[in-house]
C-alpha atoms as a PDB file:
ATOM      1  CA  MET A   1     -28.479 -22.797  17.471  1.00  0.00           C
ATOM      2  CA  LYS A   2     -24.997 -21.810  16.336  1.00  0.00           C
ATOM      3  CA  ALA A   3     -24.148 -18.185  17.143  1.00  0.00           C
ATOM      4  CA  ARG A   4     -23.000 -16.322  14.031  1.00  0.00           C
ATOM      5  CA  ILE A   5     -20.243 -13.772  13.518  1.00  0.00           C
ATOM      6  CA  PRO A   6     -20.370 -10.978  10.930  1.00  0.00           C
ATOM      7  CA  SER A   7     -19.226 -11.800   7.412  1.00  0.00           C
ATOM      8  CA  GLY A   8     -15.639 -10.767   6.759  1.00  0.00           C
ATOM      9  CA  THR A   9     -14.573 -11.642  10.322  1.00  0.00           C
ATOM     10  CA  ARG A  10     -13.269 -14.865  11.819  1.00  0.00           C
ATOM     11  CA  ASP A  11     -12.231 -16.541  15.040  1.00  0.00           C
ATOM     12  CA  VAL A  12      -8.530 -17.337  15.432  1.00  0.00           C
ATOM     13  CA  LEU A  13      -8.004 -20.501  17.450  1.00  0.00           C
ATOM     14  CA  PRO A  14      -5.014 -21.189  19.731  1.00  0.00           C
ATOM     15  CA  GLU A  15      -2.794 -23.111  17.299  1.00  0.00           C
ATOM     16  CA  GLU A  16      -3.090 -20.488  14.572  1.00  0.00           C
ATOM     17  CA  ARG A  17      -2.811 -17.668  17.101  1.00  0.00           C
ATOM     18  CA  ALA A  18       0.492 -19.148  18.278  1.00  0.00           C
ATOM     19  CA  GLU A  19       1.778 -19.274  14.698  1.00  0.00           C
ATOM     20  CA  LEU A  20       0.732 -15.660  14.101  1.00  0.00           C
ATOM     21  CA  ARG A  21       2.433 -14.628  17.322  1.00  0.00           C
ATOM     22  CA  ARG A  22       5.696 -16.167  16.111  1.00  0.00           C
ATOM     23  CA  ILE A  23       5.408 -14.245  12.852  1.00  0.00           C
ATOM     24  CA  GLU A  24       4.665 -11.008  14.714  1.00  0.00           C
ATOM     25  CA  THR A  25       7.660 -11.468  17.015  1.00  0.00           C
ATOM     26  CA  THR A  26       9.943 -12.104  14.037  1.00  0.00           C
ATOM     27  CA  LEU A  27       8.719  -9.038  12.158  1.00  0.00           C
ATOM     28  CA  LEU A  28       9.045  -6.776  15.198  1.00  0.00           C
ATOM     29  CA  GLY A  29      12.598  -8.022  15.651  1.00  0.00           C
ATOM     30  CA  VAL A  30      13.500  -6.957  12.101  1.00  0.00           C
ATOM     31  CA  PHE A  31      11.755  -3.598  12.488  1.00  0.00           C
ATOM     32  CA  ASP A  32      13.694  -2.976  15.702  1.00  0.00           C
ATOM     33  CA  ARG A  33      16.985  -3.905  14.061  1.00  0.00           C
ATOM     34  CA  PHE A  34      16.395  -1.191  11.456  1.00  0.00           C
ATOM     35  CA  GLY A  35      15.635   1.389  14.146  1.00  0.00           C
ATOM     36  CA  TYR A  36      11.819   1.466  14.050  1.00  0.00           C
ATOM     37  CA  GLY A  37      10.051   2.006  17.376  1.00  0.00           C
ATOM     38  CA  GLU A  38       6.727   0.315  18.048  1.00  0.00           C
ATOM     39  CA  ILE A  39       3.685   2.564  18.365  1.00  0.00           C
ATOM     40  CA  SER A  40      -0.006   1.982  19.085  1.00  0.00           C
ATOM     41  CA  THR A  41      -2.955   4.296  18.491  1.00  0.00           C
ATOM     42  CA  PRO A  42      -6.694   4.187  19.251  1.00  0.00           C
ATOM     43  CA  THR A  43      -8.845   1.867  17.180  1.00  0.00           C
ATOM     44  CA  VAL A  44     -11.310   4.724  16.687  1.00  0.00           C
ATOM     45  CA  GLU A  45     -10.480   8.123  15.219  1.00  0.00           C
ATOM     46  CA  PHE A  46     -12.523  11.230  14.650  1.00  0.00           C
ATOM     47  CA  GLN A  47     -14.114  11.068  11.216  1.00  0.00           C
ATOM     48  CA  GLU A  48     -12.726  14.549  10.605  1.00  0.00           C
ATOM     49  CA  THR A  49      -9.167  13.180  10.937  1.00  0.00           C
ATOM     50  CA  LEU A  50      -9.735  10.441   8.376  1.00  0.00           C
ATOM     51  CA  SER A  51     -11.547  12.796   6.015  1.00  0.00           C
ATOM     52  CA  ARG A  52      -8.777  15.386   6.209  1.00  0.00           C
ATOM     53  CA  ALA A  53      -6.309  12.704   5.183  1.00  0.00           C
ATOM     54  CA  GLY A  54      -8.437  11.681   2.217  1.00  0.00           C
ATOM     55  CA  ALA A  55      -8.508   8.144   3.565  1.00  0.00           C
ATOM     56  CA  SER A  56     -12.154   7.835   4.517  1.00  0.00           C
ATOM     57  CA  SER A  57     -15.449   7.781   2.732  1.00  0.00           C
ATOM     58  CA  SER A  58     -18.781   6.044   3.202  1.00  0.00           C
ATOM     59  CA  GLY A  59     -17.397   3.207   1.080  1.00  0.00           C
ATOM     60  CA  THR A  60     -14.271   2.454   3.112  1.00  0.00           C
ATOM     61  CA  SER A  61     -14.751   3.287   6.789  1.00  0.00           C
ATOM     62  CA  TYR A  62     -17.056   2.082   9.548  1.00  0.00           C
ATOM     63  CA  ARG A  63     -18.783   4.850  11.465  1.00  0.00           C
ATOM     64  CA  VAL A  64     -19.064   4.398  15.226  1.00  0.00           C
ATOM     65  CA  LEU A  65     -21.621   5.742  17.667  1.00  0.00           C
ATOM     66  CA  GLY A  66     -19.910   8.013  20.182  1.00  0.00           C
ATOM     67  CA  GLU A  67     -21.045  10.607  22.662  1.00  0.00           C
ATOM     68  CA  PRO A  68     -23.528  13.185  21.356  1.00  0.00           C
ATOM     69  CA  GLY A  69     -21.739  15.382  18.837  1.00  0.00           C
ATOM     70  CA  GLU A  70     -18.882  12.908  18.282  1.00  0.00           C
ATOM     71  CA  ASP A  71     -18.452  11.620  14.736  1.00  0.00           C
ATOM     72  CA  LEU A  72     -16.152   8.601  15.027  1.00  0.00           C
ATOM     73  CA  ALA A  73     -14.900   5.865  12.705  1.00  0.00           C
ATOM     74  CA  LEU A  74     -12.779   2.726  12.947  1.00  0.00           C
ATOM     75  CA  ARG A  75      -9.322   3.226  11.462  1.00  0.00           C
ATOM     76  CA  SER A  76      -8.912   1.755   7.974  1.00  0.00           C
ATOM     77  CA  ASP A  77      -5.113   1.657   8.227  1.00  0.00           C
ATOM     78  CA  MET A  78      -2.302   2.848  10.499  1.00  0.00           C
ATOM     79  CA  THR A  79      -0.694   5.395   8.180  1.00  0.00           C
ATOM     80  CA  VAL A  80      -3.173   8.168   8.949  1.00  0.00           C
ATOM     81  CA  PRO A  81      -3.117   7.699  12.748  1.00  0.00           C
ATOM     82  CA  ILE A  82       0.688   7.718  12.711  1.00  0.00           C
ATOM     83  CA  ALA A  83       0.659  10.872  10.583  1.00  0.00           C
ATOM     84  CA  ARG A  84      -1.619  12.445  13.193  1.00  0.00           C
ATOM     85  CA  VAL A  85       0.723  11.412  16.012  1.00  0.00           C
ATOM     86  CA  ALA A  86       3.837  12.633  14.205  1.00  0.00           C
ATOM     87  CA  SER A  87       2.333  16.029  13.427  1.00  0.00           C
ATOM     88  CA  SER A  88       1.033  16.580  16.963  1.00  0.00           C
ATOM     89  CA  ARG A  89       3.749  14.975  19.126  1.00  0.00           C
ATOM     90  CA  TYR A  90       6.913  15.085  17.002  1.00  0.00           C
ATOM     91  CA  ARG A  91       6.543  18.304  15.017  1.00  0.00           C
ATOM     92  CA  ASP A  92       9.867  19.695  16.301  1.00  0.00           C
ATOM     93  CA  ALA A  93      11.745  16.384  16.531  1.00  0.00           C
ATOM     94  CA  ASP A  94      14.809  15.584  14.457  1.00  0.00           C
ATOM     95  CA  LEU A  95      13.994  13.820  11.194  1.00  0.00           C
ATOM     96  CA  PRO A  96      13.579  11.210   9.959  1.00  0.00           C
ATOM     97  CA  LEU A  97      11.150   9.502  12.329  1.00  0.00           C
ATOM     98  CA  ARG A  98      10.766   5.719  12.313  1.00  0.00           C
ATOM     99  CA  PHE A  99       7.655   3.967  13.653  1.00  0.00           C
ATOM    100  CA  CYS A 100       6.436   0.373  13.442  1.00  0.00           C
ATOM    101  CA  TYR A 101       3.250  -1.363  14.532  1.00  0.00           C
ATOM    102  CA  ILE A 102       1.159  -4.506  14.664  1.00  0.00           C
ATOM    103  CA  ALA A 103      -2.519  -3.594  14.781  1.00  0.00           C
ATOM    104  CA  PRO A 104      -5.961  -4.490  13.393  1.00  0.00           C
ATOM    105  CA  ALA A 105      -7.629  -2.279  10.796  1.00  0.00           C
ATOM    106  CA  TYR A 106     -11.192  -2.217   9.486  1.00  0.00           C
ATOM    107  CA  ARG A 107     -12.731  -1.523   6.080  1.00  0.00           C
ATOM    108  CA  ALA A 108     -16.255  -1.740   4.734  1.00  0.00           C
ATOM    109  CA  VAL A 109     -16.753  -4.565   2.235  1.00  0.00           C
ATOM    110  CA  THR A 110     -18.828  -5.335  -0.826  1.00  0.00           C
ATOM    111  CA  PRO A 111     -21.448  -7.974   0.111  1.00  0.00           C
ATOM    112  CA  HIS A 112     -20.829 -11.568  -1.028  1.00  0.00           C
ATOM    113  CA  ARG A 113     -17.262 -10.882  -2.235  1.00  0.00           C
ATOM    114  CA  GLY A 114     -15.445 -12.703   0.579  1.00  0.00           C
ATOM    115  CA  GLN A 115     -13.559  -9.572   1.606  1.00  0.00           C
ATOM    116  CA  PRO A 116     -12.304  -9.155   5.205  1.00  0.00           C
ATOM    117  CA  ARG A 117     -13.812  -6.403   7.332  1.00  0.00           C
ATOM    118  CA  GLU A 118     -11.145  -6.813   9.995  1.00  0.00           C
ATOM    119  CA  PHE A 119      -7.514  -7.651   9.265  1.00  0.00           C
ATOM    120  CA  LEU A 120      -4.276  -7.659  11.197  1.00  0.00           C
ATOM    121  CA  GLN A 121      -1.414  -5.590   9.807  1.00  0.00           C
ATOM    122  CA  ALA A 122       2.274  -5.222  10.558  1.00  0.00           C
ATOM    123  CA  GLY A 123       4.161  -2.315   9.078  1.00  0.00           C
ATOM    124  CA  VAL A 124       6.467   0.664   9.313  1.00  0.00           C
ATOM    125  CA  GLU A 125       6.326   4.385   8.560  1.00  0.00           C
ATOM    126  CA  LEU A 126       9.448   6.429   7.754  1.00  0.00           C
ATOM    127  CA  ILE A 127       8.728  10.158   8.037  1.00  0.00           C
ATOM    128  CA  GLY A 128      10.897  12.989   6.775  1.00  0.00           C
ATOM    129  CA  ALA A 129      13.403  11.055   4.642  1.00  0.00           C
ATOM    130  CA  ALA A 130      14.230  11.939   1.031  1.00  0.00           C
ATOM    131  CA  PRO A 131      11.791  10.126  -1.306  1.00  0.00           C
ATOM    132  CA  GLY A 132      14.291   7.950  -3.167  1.00  0.00           C
ATOM    133  CA  ALA A 133      16.399   6.971  -0.169  1.00  0.00           C
ATOM    134  CA  GLY A 134      13.315   6.545   2.015  1.00  0.00           C
ATOM    135  CA  CYS A 135      11.602   4.215  -0.444  1.00  0.00           C
ATOM    136  CA  GLY A 136      14.806   2.214  -0.787  1.00  0.00           C
ATOM    137  CA  GLU A 137      15.099   1.815   2.985  1.00  0.00           C
ATOM    138  CA  VAL A 138      11.471   0.820   3.480  1.00  0.00           C
ATOM    139  CA  ILE A 139      11.489  -1.697   0.624  1.00  0.00           C
ATOM    140  CA  THR A 140      14.637  -3.205   2.142  1.00  0.00           C
ATOM    141  CA  VAL A 141      12.955  -3.496   5.551  1.00  0.00           C
ATOM    142  CA  LEU A 142       9.940  -5.096   3.870  1.00  0.00           C
ATOM    143  CA  SER A 143      12.033  -7.645   1.996  1.00  0.00           C
ATOM    144  CA  ARG A 144      14.172  -8.534   5.032  1.00  0.00           C
ATOM    145  CA  SER A 145      11.045  -8.898   7.184  1.00  0.00           C
ATOM    146  CA  LEU A 146       9.371 -11.329   4.811  1.00  0.00           C
ATOM    147  CA  GLU A 147      12.599 -13.307   4.437  1.00  0.00           C
ATOM    148  CA  ALA A 148      12.981 -13.522   8.220  1.00  0.00           C
ATOM    149  CA  ALA A 149       9.396 -14.796   8.483  1.00  0.00           C
ATOM    150  CA  GLY A 150      10.353 -17.600   6.113  1.00  0.00           C
ATOM    151  CA  LEU A 151       8.814 -16.465   2.832  1.00  0.00           C
ATOM    152  CA  LYS A 152      10.987 -17.420  -0.139  1.00  0.00           C
ATOM    153  CA  ARG A 153       9.258 -16.926  -3.475  1.00  0.00           C
ATOM    154  CA  PHE A 154       7.798 -13.444  -3.187  1.00  0.00           C
ATOM    155  CA  TYR A 155       8.400 -10.530  -5.516  1.00  0.00           C
ATOM    156  CA  ILE A 156       7.758  -6.801  -5.227  1.00  0.00           C
ATOM    157  CA  GLY A 157       5.913  -4.926  -7.969  1.00  0.00           C
ATOM    158  CA  ILE A 158       6.852  -1.235  -8.088  1.00  0.00           C
ATOM    159  CA  GLY A 159       5.244   1.696  -9.883  1.00  0.00           C
ATOM    160  CA  ASP A 160       4.524   5.399  -9.499  1.00  0.00           C
ATOM    161  CA  ALA A 161       1.144   6.699  -8.314  1.00  0.00           C
ATOM    162  CA  ALA A 162       1.786  10.048 -10.020  1.00  0.00           C
ATOM    163  CA  LEU A 163       2.402   8.569 -13.455  1.00  0.00           C
ATOM    164  CA  TYR A 164      -1.078   7.890 -14.792  1.00  0.00           C
ATOM    165  CA  PRO A 165      -2.779  11.047 -13.468  1.00  0.00           C
ATOM    166  CA  SER A 166       0.007  13.075 -15.084  1.00  0.00           C
ATOM    167  CA  LEU A 167      -0.543  11.234 -18.382  1.00  0.00           C
ATOM    168  CA  LEU A 168      -4.261  11.970 -18.250  1.00  0.00           C
ATOM    169  CA  ALA A 169      -3.531  15.653 -17.652  1.00  0.00           C
ATOM    170  CA  ALA A 170      -0.987  15.725 -20.502  1.00  0.00           C
ATOM    171  CA  CYS A 171      -3.636  14.251 -22.800  1.00  0.00           C
ATOM    172  CA  GLY A 172      -6.034  17.048 -21.873  1.00  0.00           C
ATOM    173  CA  VAL A 173      -8.335  14.897 -19.721  1.00  0.00           C
ATOM    174  CA  ALA A 174     -10.022  16.831 -16.905  1.00  0.00           C
ATOM    175  CA  ALA A 175      -9.669  15.365 -13.404  1.00  0.00           C
ATOM    176  CA  ASP A 176     -13.376  14.508 -13.136  1.00  0.00           C
ATOM    177  CA  ASP A 177     -13.369  12.807 -16.553  1.00  0.00           C
ATOM    178  CA  GLY A 178     -10.347  10.706 -15.604  1.00  0.00           C
ATOM    179  CA  GLU A 179     -11.794   9.327 -12.359  1.00  0.00           C
ATOM    180  CA  ALA A 180     -13.466   6.353 -14.039  1.00  0.00           C
ATOM    181  CA  VAL A 181     -10.191   5.373 -15.727  1.00  0.00           C
ATOM    182  CA  LEU A 182      -8.299   5.591 -12.430  1.00  0.00           C
ATOM    183  CA  ARG A 183     -10.955   3.452 -10.750  1.00  0.00           C
ATOM    184  CA  GLU A 184     -10.439   0.690 -13.312  1.00  0.00           C
ATOM    185  CA  LEU A 185      -6.664   1.086 -13.008  1.00  0.00           C
ATOM    186  CA  GLY A 186      -6.897   0.612  -9.228  1.00  0.00           C
ATOM    187  CA  ASP A 187      -8.827  -2.613  -9.836  1.00  0.00           C
ATOM    188  CA  ARG A 188      -6.269  -3.782 -12.436  1.00  0.00           C
ATOM    189  CA  ASP A 189      -9.122  -4.191 -14.932  1.00  0.00           C
ATOM    190  CA  PHE A 190      -7.486  -3.726 -18.336  1.00  0.00           C
ATOM    191  CA  VAL A 191     -10.744  -4.291 -20.203  1.00  0.00           C
ATOM    192  CA  GLY A 192     -12.343  -1.584 -18.058  1.00  0.00           C
ATOM    193  CA  ILE A 193      -9.406   0.757 -18.722  1.00  0.00           C
ATOM    194  CA  ASP A 194      -9.787   0.259 -22.480  1.00  0.00           C
ATOM    195  CA  ARG A 195     -13.518   0.943 -22.248  1.00  0.00           C
ATOM    196  CA  GLU A 196     -13.154   4.126 -20.216  1.00  0.00           C
ATOM    197  CA  VAL A 197     -10.278   5.456 -22.338  1.00  0.00           C
ATOM    198  CA  ALA A 198     -12.330   4.865 -25.497  1.00  0.00           C
ATOM    199  CA  ALA A 199     -15.055   7.083 -24.023  1.00  0.00           C
ATOM    200  CA  LEU A 200     -12.659  10.039 -23.600  1.00  0.00           C
ATOM    201  CA  ALA A 201     -12.561  12.840 -26.173  1.00  0.00           C
ATOM    202  CA  ILE A 202      -8.848  12.474 -27.006  1.00  0.00           C
ATOM    203  CA  SER A 203      -6.726  11.662 -30.044  1.00  0.00           C
ATOM    204  CA  ALA A 204      -6.059   8.101 -31.181  1.00  0.00           C
ATOM    205  CA  ASP A 205      -2.374   8.463 -30.263  1.00  0.00           C
ATOM    206  CA  ASP A 206      -3.211   9.602 -26.727  1.00  0.00           C
ATOM    207  CA  ALA A 207      -5.719   6.781 -26.338  1.00  0.00           C
ATOM    208  CA  ALA A 208      -3.103   4.265 -27.463  1.00  0.00           C
ATOM    209  CA  LEU A 209      -0.641   5.628 -24.888  1.00  0.00           C
ATOM    210  CA  LEU A 210      -3.198   5.472 -22.062  1.00  0.00           C
ATOM    211  CA  THR A 211      -4.081   1.859 -22.832  1.00  0.00           C
ATOM    212  CA  ARG A 212      -0.467   0.764 -23.403  1.00  0.00           C
ATOM    213  CA  VAL A 213       1.171   2.152 -20.252  1.00  0.00           C
ATOM    214  CA  PRO A 214      -0.791   0.070 -17.677  1.00  0.00           C
ATOM    215  CA  ARG A 215       0.399  -3.071 -19.471  1.00  0.00           C
ATOM    216  CA  MET A 216       4.097  -2.105 -19.287  1.00  0.00           C
ATOM    217  CA  ARG A 217       5.678  -4.503 -16.820  1.00  0.00           C
ATOM    218  CA  GLY A 218       9.030  -6.181 -16.207  1.00  0.00           C
ATOM    219  CA  SER A 219      12.673  -5.214 -15.947  1.00  0.00           C
ATOM    220  CA  ALA A 220      12.869  -4.317 -19.640  1.00  0.00           C
ATOM    221  CA  VAL A 221      10.590  -1.337 -18.950  1.00  0.00           C
ATOM    222  CA  LEU A 222      13.463   0.507 -17.273  1.00  0.00           C
ATOM    223  CA  ASP A 223      15.815  -0.155 -20.186  1.00  0.00           C
ATOM    224  CA  GLU A 224      13.504   1.026 -22.947  1.00  0.00           C
ATOM    225  CA  THR A 225      13.626   4.308 -24.788  1.00  0.00           C
ATOM    226  CA  VAL A 226      10.264   5.611 -23.650  1.00  0.00           C
ATOM    227  CA  ASP A 227       7.960   8.523 -24.258  1.00  0.00           C
ATOM    228  CA  GLN A 228       9.165  11.722 -22.615  1.00  0.00           C
ATOM    229  CA  GLN A 229       5.994  11.716 -20.502  1.00  0.00           C
ATOM    230  CA  LEU A 230       7.155   8.519 -18.788  1.00  0.00           C
ATOM    231  CA  ASP A 231      10.734   9.522 -18.175  1.00  0.00           C
ATOM    232  CA  GLY A 232      10.211  11.211 -14.785  1.00  0.00           C
ATOM    233  CA  SER A 233       8.451   8.224 -13.254  1.00  0.00           C
ATOM    234  CA  LEU A 234      10.944   5.760 -14.685  1.00  0.00           C
ATOM    235  CA  GLY A 235      13.768   7.892 -13.276  1.00  0.00           C
ATOM    236  CA  ALA A 236      12.200   7.688  -9.797  1.00  0.00           C
ATOM    237  CA  ILE A 237      11.822   3.909 -10.078  1.00  0.00           C
ATOM    238  CA  ARG A 238      15.391   3.557 -11.357  1.00  0.00           C
ATOM    239  CA  GLU A 239      16.672   5.593  -8.398  1.00  0.00           C
ATOM    240  CA  VAL A 240      14.942   3.342  -5.872  1.00  0.00           C
ATOM    241  CA  VAL A 241      15.968   0.084  -7.556  1.00  0.00           C
ATOM    242  CA  GLY A 242      19.532   1.336  -7.901  1.00  0.00           C
ATOM    243  CA  SER A 243      19.733   2.003  -4.150  1.00  0.00           C
ATOM    244  CA  LEU A 244      18.852  -1.586  -3.208  1.00  0.00           C
ATOM    245  CA  ASP A 245      21.182  -4.464  -2.432  1.00  0.00           C
ATOM    246  CA  ASP A 246      21.396  -6.894  -5.340  1.00  0.00           C
ATOM    247  CA  ASP A 247      19.330  -9.614  -3.693  1.00  0.00           C
ATOM    248  CA  VAL A 248      16.515  -7.196  -2.861  1.00  0.00           C
ATOM    249  CA  ALA A 249      16.676  -5.575  -6.316  1.00  0.00           C
ATOM    250  CA  GLY A 250      16.375  -9.066  -7.770  1.00  0.00           C
ATOM    251  CA  ARG A 251      12.868  -9.325  -6.317  1.00  0.00           C
ATOM    252  CA  ILE A 252      11.698  -6.072  -7.951  1.00  0.00           C
ATOM    253  CA  ILE A 253       9.373  -6.083 -10.973  1.00  0.00           C
ATOM    254  CA  PRO A 254       8.662  -2.598 -12.426  1.00  0.00           C
ATOM    255  CA  ASP A 255       4.947  -2.291 -13.181  1.00  0.00           C
ATOM    256  CA  LEU A 256       3.590   0.943 -14.667  1.00  0.00           C
ATOM    257  CA  GLY A 257       0.014  -0.210 -14.186  1.00  0.00           C
ATOM    258  CA  ARG A 258       0.300  -0.155 -10.403  1.00  0.00           C
ATOM    259  CA  PHE A 259      -2.100   2.386  -8.886  1.00  0.00           C
ATOM    260  CA  PRO A 260      -3.044   2.476  -5.172  1.00  0.00           C
ATOM    261  CA  ARG A 261      -6.555   2.542  -3.786  1.00  0.00           C
ATOM    262  CA  MET A 262      -5.485   4.761  -0.879  1.00  0.00           C
ATOM    263  CA  GLY A 263      -5.647   8.294  -2.242  1.00  0.00           C
ATOM    264  CA  TYR A 264      -2.817   9.802  -0.206  1.00  0.00           C
ATOM    265  CA  TYR A 265      -0.022   8.040  -2.106  1.00  0.00           C
ATOM    266  CA  SER A 266       1.713  10.453  -4.477  1.00  0.00           C
ATOM    267  CA  GLY A 267       4.930   8.780  -5.667  1.00  0.00           C
ATOM    268  CA  ILE A 268       6.557   5.356  -5.634  1.00  0.00           C
ATOM    269  CA  VAL A 269       4.097   2.571  -4.742  1.00  0.00           C
ATOM    270  CA  PHE A 270       4.699  -1.153  -4.350  1.00  0.00           C
ATOM    271  CA  GLU A 271       2.954  -4.439  -3.604  1.00  0.00           C
ATOM    272  CA  VAL A 272       4.210  -7.880  -2.582  1.00  0.00           C
ATOM    273  CA  TYR A 273       3.005 -11.021  -4.319  1.00  0.00           C
ATOM    274  CA  ASP A 274       3.709 -14.688  -3.762  1.00  0.00           C
ATOM    275  CA  PRO A 275       2.827 -17.463  -6.251  1.00  0.00           C
ATOM    276  CA  GLU A 276       0.788 -19.177  -3.528  1.00  0.00           C
ATOM    277  CA  LEU A 277      -1.791 -16.353  -3.440  1.00  0.00           C
ATOM    278  CA  GLY A 278      -3.692 -14.323  -5.999  1.00  0.00           C
ATOM    279  CA  GLU A 279      -3.716 -11.089  -4.021  1.00  0.00           C
ATOM    280  CA  PRO A 280      -1.041  -8.821  -2.553  1.00  0.00           C
ATOM    281  CA  ILE A 281       0.425  -9.826   0.808  1.00  0.00           C
ATOM    282  CA  ALA A 282       1.714  -6.317   1.497  1.00  0.00           C
ATOM    283  CA  SER A 283       1.536  -2.851  -0.030  1.00  0.00           C
ATOM    284  CA  GLY A 284       2.928   0.600   0.553  1.00  0.00           C
ATOM    285  CA  GLY A 285       4.424   3.687  -0.973  1.00  0.00           C
ATOM    286  CA  PHE A 286       5.408   7.326  -0.697  1.00  0.00           C
ATOM    287  CA  TYR A 287       3.014  10.070   0.429  1.00  0.00           C
ATOM    288  CA  GLY A 288       4.123  13.637  -0.099  1.00  0.00           C
ATOM    289  CA  GLU A 289       1.148  15.655   1.123  1.00  0.00           C
ATOM    290  CA  LEU A 290      -0.517  13.598   3.862  1.00  0.00           C
ATOM    291  CA  LEU A 291       1.469  15.032   6.780  1.00  0.00           C
ATOM    292  CA  GLY A 292       1.062  18.532   5.385  1.00  0.00           C
ATOM    293  CA  ARG A 293      -2.690  18.181   5.862  1.00  0.00           C
ATOM    294  CA  PHE A 294      -1.932  17.969   9.582  1.00  0.00           C
ATOM    295  CA  GLY A 295       0.462  20.910   9.550  1.00  0.00           C
ATOM    296  CA  MET A 296       3.741  19.001   9.154  1.00  0.00           C
ATOM    297  CA  PRO A 297       4.937  19.595   5.565  1.00  0.00           C
ATOM    298  CA  VAL A 298       7.241  16.590   5.085  1.00  0.00           C
ATOM    299  CA  GLY A 299       6.876  13.373   3.138  1.00  0.00           C
ATOM    300  CA  GLY A 300       6.680   9.822   4.364  1.00  0.00           C
ATOM    301  CA  VAL A 301       6.832   6.256   3.110  1.00  0.00           C
ATOM    302  CA  GLY A 302       5.606   3.031   4.643  1.00  0.00           C
ATOM    303  CA  PHE A 303       4.169  -0.421   4.124  1.00  0.00           C
ATOM    304  CA  ALA A 304       1.597  -2.725   5.692  1.00  0.00           C
ATOM    305  CA  ILE A 305       1.793  -6.531   5.669  1.00  0.00           C
ATOM    306  CA  ASP A 306      -1.476  -8.460   5.929  1.00  0.00           C
ATOM    307  CA  LEU A 307      -0.516 -11.057   8.520  1.00  0.00           C
ATOM    308  CA  ASP A 308      -3.294 -13.490   7.648  1.00  0.00           C
ATOM    309  CA  LEU A 309      -2.235 -13.489   3.995  1.00  0.00           C
ATOM    310  CA  LEU A 310       1.438 -13.826   4.949  1.00  0.00           C
ATOM    311  CA  HIS A 311       0.534 -16.801   7.138  1.00  0.00           C
ATOM    312  CA  ALA A 312      -1.402 -18.368   4.263  1.00  0.00           C
ATOM    313  CA  ALA A 313       1.490 -17.829   1.834  1.00  0.00           C
ATOM    314  CA  LEU A 314       3.958 -19.387   4.277  1.00  0.00           C
ATOM    315  CA  ALA A 315       1.688 -22.396   4.688  1.00  0.00           C
ATOM    316  CA  GLY A 316       1.321 -22.707   0.902  1.00  0.00           C
ATOM    317  CA  GLU A 317       5.071 -22.595   0.322  1.00  0.00           C
ATOM    318  CA  GLU A 318       5.589 -25.200   3.051  1.00  0.00           C
ATOM    319  CA  ARG A 319       3.004 -27.508   1.465  1.00  0.00           C
ATOM    320  CA  GLY A 320       4.701 -27.092  -1.897  1.00  0.00           C
ATOM    321  CA  GLU A 321       8.107 -28.011  -0.481  1.00  0.00           C
ATOM    322  CA  THR A 322       6.661 -31.022   1.353  1.00  0.00           C
ATOM    323  CA  GLY A 323       4.963 -32.236  -1.800  1.00  0.00           C
ATOM    324  CA  ARG A 324       8.133 -32.225  -3.864  1.00  0.00           C
END
């Protein structure tokens, strides 16, 4: 009888493990060149820590049996553990702080959807930098890292996590009433967005705005004369794009429908796509309040690369070049 492994997990055999190791070594080399020091944290955290960060719920984290009275969970990313470390060990250090990591993370999955429970991430966190400059630096590190790994055809979609909630508030939508719309926005389900907006008690003009904005995408978005409600977010995106080297800026696609699933993001957010895959290889953004929840009132910005997806994209690009 063949011994099974849990769905959403997999064995990595020596040949693939060697390829992943080469990718990891390359990424760490780029992170180091930009001044990011490698950090590691426990795989398990107190549930209280994850809950305080707003990064854990029964739908996203795995609870772990600990000693009597201990409520533990597997980490669902590295941003929250690094925020905990920074606030407890580096509270009085000179800012900004730069950390990098390669580590597994764990998230609960929807049955029969083919989602991974366990995935290997590589990323950085920049803590205490100004939002615009910090996002520009981190996006540059992300782009240079993927280029060094050998990825060629990727692009970076960029938006603002604060944009749509502020639009809902400006249209008179209460936070609780807007949750369903934000859920559909996080899933990039435009039909669902239209349905939930239609159910809101708002004017036809406001409804048209709320259904139009998530579909606004491409470089022309930044050049348009836009509604005053959008101007602040577009100014933040313009600032970040304007700080980038031309070759990095050339990979940027403004996307006002970008909304993160992780609730601690509060400003610029971004995701990396490659034509070889239908899902983001990497994601990240700015968080303004997360560290404050641990008593360190500064902002941070970071990204996480899914190494399995990066490996798959590299293999897909290589196959495409071989086939031409």
